[in-house]
């Protein structure tokens, strides 16, 4: 397993220095320095650096669908950063096709993103699977991050808010329980519009009457609101 170093950091604090390090969630590059963008626990795993917020962090549960990024490859699987306190593991046995262990990077490579299901949560770590339909490598579109606590509002009751967004923009919206949202459409402008709508929902997640606000926001963007049964 990858050795990790952890420290409490504050915004603006340099975590590590060196062009070989890559910033992840909650961190950014400033020259040769990787700097904390938020208060939390800085985690340095090999050359990957991220900051996990002390409050509001995502805690994986069995059955959750999440979106993550490949950060390391072992002889029998992939390590995936999903924004939690530790990376998760996707065994080669939990992908939907045979993968030669000498060709694992051809199937999933460093930096690629995936939609996966939390298969098991143990004290030693989180195990993932992508054998089921609807899971796999993400290609195209864009991925944005929201607070995991905003996810229910973005999805809506029985997926009503996602349907509302898709009806207005034509874009597919896949929401991971860890706060990662994949937006995919045929029109780049509509992907950007979808991003704005999702961020608007996240910013107003605690507001009553959110559906009406979102519908107005969509109309103000010059888009049409399709007939839906959107619910709070």
Protein backbone atom coordinates (compact mmCIF):
# COMPACT_ATOMS: atom_id res chain seq x y z
CA UNK A 1 0.00 0.00 0.00
CA UNK A 2 1.03 3.63 -0.50
CA UNK A 3 2.64 5.29 2.51
CA UNK A 4 0.83 8.45 3.57
CA UNK A 5 1.81 11.51 5.59
CA UNK A 6 -0.88 13.56 7.33
CA UNK A 7 -0.83 16.98 8.98
CA UNK A 8 -3.39 19.61 9.97
CA UNK A 9 -3.04 22.64 7.66
CA UNK A 10 -4.64 26.06 7.28
CA UNK A 11 -5.52 27.89 4.02
CA UNK A 12 -2.43 29.33 2.34
CA UNK A 13 -0.04 27.03 4.17
CA UNK A 14 2.58 25.26 2.04
CA UNK A 15 2.22 21.50 2.33
CA UNK A 16 5.14 20.35 0.17
CA UNK A 17 7.45 21.83 -2.42
CA UNK A 18 8.55 20.36 -5.73
CA UNK A 19 7.25 20.14 -9.29
CA UNK A 20 6.96 16.36 -8.94
CA UNK A 21 3.97 16.72 -6.58
CA UNK A 22 0.41 16.91 -7.96
CA UNK A 23 -2.35 18.89 -6.17
CA UNK A 24 -5.67 17.15 -5.54
CA UNK A 25 -8.87 18.22 -3.80
CA UNK A 26 -8.44 21.13 -1.42
CA UNK A 27 -4.94 22.00 -2.65
CA UNK A 28 -3.42 24.05 -5.44
CA UNK A 29 -0.04 24.82 -6.97
CA UNK A 30 1.77 28.11 -6.34
CA UNK A 31 5.07 27.98 -8.21
CA UNK A 32 6.88 24.92 -6.90
CA UNK A 33 4.72 24.78 -3.76
CA UNK A 34 1.54 22.80 -3.18
CA UNK A 35 -0.62 25.00 -0.95
CA UNK A 36 -3.66 24.21 1.18
CA UNK A 37 -6.87 25.76 -0.12
CA UNK A 38 -8.87 24.94 3.01
CA UNK A 39 -8.52 24.02 6.66
CA UNK A 40 -8.20 20.30 7.12
CA UNK A 41 -5.93 17.28 7.05
CA UNK A 42 -3.20 17.38 4.40
CA UNK A 43 -2.57 13.92 2.98
CA UNK A 44 0.56 13.25 0.94
CA UNK A 45 0.44 9.83 -0.75
CA UNK A 46 3.45 9.27 -2.99
CA UNK A 47 3.34 12.37 -5.25
CA UNK A 48 -0.36 13.17 -4.79
CA UNK A 49 -1.40 15.87 -2.30
CA UNK A 50 -4.92 16.64 -1.09
CA UNK A 51 -6.61 18.32 1.87
CA UNK A 52 -9.61 16.65 3.50
CA UNK A 53 -11.81 19.12 5.42
CA UNK A 54 -12.11 18.34 9.11
CA UNK A 55 -15.85 18.95 9.00
CA UNK A 56 -18.24 18.02 6.22
CA UNK A 57 -16.03 15.24 4.90
CA UNK A 58 -17.52 12.32 3.01
CA UNK A 59 -17.64 9.02 4.85
CA UNK A 60 -18.22 6.11 2.45
CA UNK A 61 -21.04 3.64 3.00
CA UNK A 62 -21.56 0.29 1.37
CA UNK A 63 -23.67 0.67 -1.76
CA UNK A 64 -22.75 4.32 -2.41
CA UNK A 65 -21.97 5.37 -5.96
CA UNK A 66 -18.93 7.62 -6.04
CA UNK A 67 -16.66 9.31 -8.56
CA UNK A 68 -12.90 9.16 -8.09
CA UNK A 69 -9.54 9.46 -9.81
CA UNK A 70 -6.82 6.85 -10.30
CA UNK A 71 -3.75 7.85 -8.24
CA UNK A 72 -1.77 4.61 -8.13
CA UNK A 73 -1.68 1.16 -9.71
CA UNK A 74 -0.64 -1.99 -7.85
CA UNK A 75 -0.10 -5.52 -9.12
CA UNK A 76 -3.73 -6.42 -8.42
CA UNK A 77 -5.74 -3.22 -8.73
CA UNK A 78 -6.03 0.56 -8.66
CA UNK A 79 -5.95 3.09 -5.82
CA UNK A 80 -8.63 5.74 -6.21
CA UNK A 81 -8.83 9.18 -4.63
CA UNK A 82 -12.49 9.93 -3.90
CA UNK A 83 -11.96 12.87 -1.54
CA UNK A 84 -12.10 10.83 1.66
CA UNK A 85 -9.57 10.50 4.45
CA UNK A 86 -7.88 7.64 2.61
CA UNK A 87 -7.78 6.25 -0.91
CA UNK A 88 -10.06 3.39 -1.93
CA UNK A 89 -9.07 0.18 -3.74
CA UNK A 90 -10.55 -1.21 -6.95
CA UNK A 91 -9.40 -4.83 -7.39
CA UNK A 92 -8.74 -6.08 -10.89
CA UNK A 93 -11.30 -8.80 -10.11
CA UNK A 94 -14.03 -6.14 -9.73
CA UNK A 95 -13.95 -4.77 -13.29
CA UNK A 96 -16.38 -6.07 -15.94
CA UNK A 97 -13.80 -7.66 -18.22
CA UNK A 98 -10.59 -9.63 -18.05
CA UNK A 99 -7.56 -7.37 -17.65
CA UNK A 100 -4.04 -8.72 -18.07
CA UNK A 101 -2.02 -7.59 -15.07
CA UNK A 102 0.72 -6.41 -17.45
CA UNK A 103 -1.75 -4.17 -19.27
CA UNK A 104 -3.58 -2.53 -16.37
CA UNK A 105 -2.63 1.01 -17.41
CA UNK A 106 -4.28 0.42 -20.77
CA UNK A 107 -7.58 -0.25 -19.00
CA UNK A 108 -7.34 2.47 -16.30
CA UNK A 109 -4.41 4.86 -16.19
CA UNK A 110 -3.13 7.50 -13.76
CA UNK A 111 -5.34 10.59 -13.66
CA UNK A 112 -8.37 8.94 -15.25
CA UNK A 113 -11.70 9.21 -13.47
CA UNK A 114 -14.22 6.47 -12.82
CA UNK A 115 -17.73 5.91 -11.50
CA UNK A 116 -17.58 3.08 -8.97
CA UNK A 117 -19.67 1.48 -6.23
CA UNK A 118 -18.54 1.15 -2.64
CA UNK A 119 -18.45 -2.62 -2.21
CA UNK A 120 -17.17 -2.83 1.35
CA UNK A 121 -15.96 -0.52 4.12
CA UNK A 122 -13.43 -1.97 6.54
CA UNK A 123 -11.10 -0.57 9.17
CA UNK A 124 -8.21 -1.07 6.78
CA UNK A 125 -9.85 0.71 3.86
CA UNK A 126 -12.61 0.95 1.27
CA UNK A 127 -13.10 -1.63 -1.49
CA UNK A 128 -14.78 -0.72 -4.78
CA UNK A 129 -16.42 -2.41 -7.74
CA UNK A 130 -17.42 -1.41 -11.24
CA UNK A 131 -18.91 -4.69 -12.44
CA UNK A 132 -22.47 -3.40 -12.46
CA UNK A 133 -24.15 -1.58 -15.31
CA UNK A 134 -23.65 2.18 -15.32
CA UNK A 135 -20.20 2.06 -13.73
CA UNK A 136 -16.84 2.47 -15.45
CA UNK A 137 -14.34 4.96 -16.84
CA UNK A 138 -15.48 8.52 -17.42
CA UNK A 139 -14.80 9.87 -20.88
CA UNK A 140 -15.53 13.44 -21.97
CA UNK A 141 -17.58 16.05 -20.19
CA UNK A 142 -16.47 17.73 -16.97
CA UNK A 143 -16.31 16.85 -13.29
CA UNK A 144 -17.10 19.43 -10.61
CA UNK A 145 -17.04 19.22 -6.83
CA UNK A 146 -19.76 20.18 -4.36
CA UNK A 147 -20.14 19.55 -0.64
CA UNK A 148 -21.23 15.95 -0.02
CA UNK A 149 -24.01 17.31 2.19
CA UNK A 150 -25.45 19.09 -0.89
CA UNK A 151 -25.82 15.88 -2.89
CA UNK A 152 -29.43 15.06 -1.87
CA UNK A 153 -30.64 18.48 -3.02
CA UNK A 154 -28.82 18.21 -6.35
CA UNK A 155 -30.38 14.81 -6.98
CA UNK A 156 -33.83 15.79 -5.71
CA UNK A 157 -36.56 13.43 -4.58
CA UNK A 158 -36.53 10.38 -6.81
CA UNK A 159 -34.02 12.14 -9.06
CA UNK A 160 -36.39 15.02 -9.80
CA UNK A 161 -33.78 17.80 -9.77
CA UNK A 162 -31.43 15.90 -12.08
CA UNK A 163 -34.38 15.38 -14.45
CA UNK A 164 -35.12 19.10 -14.32
CA UNK A 165 -31.53 19.94 -15.26
CA UNK A 166 -31.39 17.39 -18.06
CA UNK A 167 -34.69 18.61 -19.46
CA UNK A 168 -33.33 22.15 -19.68
CA UNK A 169 -29.83 21.46 -21.00
CA UNK A 170 -29.93 17.98 -22.55
CA UNK A 171 -26.87 17.03 -20.52
CA UNK A 172 -26.49 13.89 -18.45
CA UNK A 173 -25.72 14.56 -14.79
CA UNK A 174 -24.19 11.81 -12.65
CA UNK A 175 -23.93 12.69 -8.97
CA UNK A 176 -21.52 10.78 -6.75
CA UNK A 177 -22.36 10.52 -3.06
CA UNK A 178 -18.88 11.91 -2.38
CA UNK A 179 -19.80 15.26 -3.94
CA UNK A 180 -18.29 14.71 -7.38
CA UNK A 181 -20.62 15.53 -10.26
CA UNK A 182 -19.99 14.40 -13.84
CA UNK A 183 -21.64 16.53 -16.52
CA UNK A 184 -21.71 15.16 -20.05
CA UNK A 185 -23.42 16.57 -23.14
CA UNK A 186 -23.05 17.03 -26.87
CA UNK A 187 -22.76 20.82 -26.54
CA UNK A 188 -19.92 22.38 -24.52
CA UNK A 189 -22.00 25.49 -23.88
CA UNK A 190 -24.76 23.37 -22.38
CA UNK A 191 -22.20 21.60 -20.17
CA UNK A 192 -21.14 25.01 -18.83
CA UNK A 193 -24.79 25.96 -18.31
CA UNK A 194 -25.37 22.71 -16.44
CA UNK A 195 -22.36 23.43 -14.24
CA UNK A 196 -23.84 26.82 -13.33
CA UNK A 197 -27.20 25.25 -12.45
CA UNK A 198 -25.60 22.57 -10.26
CA UNK A 199 -23.50 25.19 -8.47
CA UNK A 200 -26.61 27.35 -7.97
CA UNK A 201 -28.40 24.42 -6.35
CA UNK A 202 -25.39 23.74 -4.11
CA UNK A 203 -25.18 27.39 -3.07
CA UNK A 204 -28.88 27.47 -2.16
CA UNK A 205 -29.26 23.92 -0.86
CA UNK A 206 -30.71 24.95 2.50
CA UNK A 207 -33.27 27.33 0.98
CA UNK A 208 -36.99 26.53 1.01
CA UNK A 209 -38.71 26.59 -2.36
CA UNK A 210 -35.53 25.56 -4.13
CA UNK A 211 -37.26 23.97 -7.12
CA UNK A 212 -38.99 27.24 -8.02
CA UNK A 213 -35.72 29.13 -7.61
CA UNK A 214 -33.93 26.69 -9.91
CA UNK A 215 -36.66 26.93 -12.54
CA UNK A 216 -36.39 30.73 -12.49
CA UNK A 217 -32.60 30.52 -12.67
CA UNK A 218 -32.87 28.27 -15.72
CA UNK A 219 -35.33 30.63 -17.43
CA UNK A 220 -33.12 33.64 -16.65
CA UNK A 221 -30.33 31.81 -18.50
CA UNK A 222 -32.54 31.75 -21.57
CA UNK A 223 -33.30 28.04 -21.32
CA UNK A 224 -36.65 26.31 -21.27
CA UNK A 225 -37.93 24.37 -18.30
CA UNK A 226 -39.25 21.03 -19.47
CA UNK A 227 -42.41 19.66 -17.92
CA UNK A 228 -41.31 17.61 -14.90
CA UNK A 229 -42.54 16.55 -11.50
CA UNK A 230 -39.68 18.25 -9.72
CA UNK A 231 -40.10 18.13 -5.95
CA UNK A 232 -38.31 19.66 -3.00
